[in-house]
C-alpha cells in the first residue's frame, strides 16, 4: 500500500485486515465476529453522528477516531482532562461548559475524538500551558468560529494570523490584564502556535495529517488510514501491529519476513512504540 502524497485527493483506502484498523477496529471485531469486514461495516448503517448528521460507520474513514486514553497516548494530555474539556464538568457547585462539541458521537455515552478534535486538543493544551484559562479558550473558539468560519479554529493556519487579535479583544472585553500581557507581543503568541502546529501538514488552512515524531521518524498520523492510528509511513501499517509482531516473533528480522516488510520499517515502529511507553511511564 502506498500513501497518498500531499497533493493527491482523499480516497477511501477500502477494506483491509482487522489488525490494520487500529483500536476502533478491534472493538468492532470483538463485538461482531464472525463476519467479513464488508458485512460488519454494512451492519453499521447508522453508527455515529458527525456534526449532528447520522453517518455510516464506513464514513469514519478520513475522520479518525480516538478515545481520550488513545489521545493521551499520542498527545501526553491526560485522558481525564480531555474528557472534561469535551464533556464539561462541575466543580465547587459551578458548571463548566465543554470547550467545544466533539466532531464524532457514537451515542454510547463515551467521549470520542476525531483527528480534527485531536489537533484542537493539542493546540488548546499549548495555550493552557502558557497561562490561558480553559474558559478563555472556549470564548476564543466561539469568537473565532464566527470570524473565521472554522469549526476547529485553534489548530488552523488562519488562527496563526488572526488568533492573537481575538485573544486581545477578549482581554479588553473581560478587563483581563494577565491575558493582555501574555499576548501584547506577537512573539509570545507565535511561539505557542509554532508548538501547536509543529510537524502538521495542512489541506488549505486545516490540519490534514501529522508527523507525530517529526517527518524523519517515518511515523504518520493520517485519518485516511487505520482510523488515524499511527502508521509506518512506507507500509501504512499501524505501528502497534508491527511492534507487536516483533515482540511475538522475538526478532525484527522474523517479523519483517512475516509481514513482508523491511527490518528498518519494523525498527521504526518498535522505536516509536517504545518512546510512547517511556513517556507514559
Foldseek 3Di string as FASTA:
>chain_A
DADDDPPDDFDQPDDDDLQFQPPVSVVLCVVDPPDDPVVSQVVQQFFKAFPNHGHGPSVLQQWFKDALVRLCLQQVDHSVVLCCQACWDDDPNRTGHHLAHARMDRPPPGDMHTVLRSLLVLLVVLVVVLPDDSVLSSQLQVVCCVVVVDNRPSLWPVCLVVVLVSQCVVCVVVVPVVSCVQRVDNVNSNVSNCSSHPQFDDDHGGTAKGPRVHVVLQWIQGSNTSSRAIARNGVSGHLVVLLVLCVVVVHLCVSCVVVVHDSVSSVSSNVVVVVSVVSVD
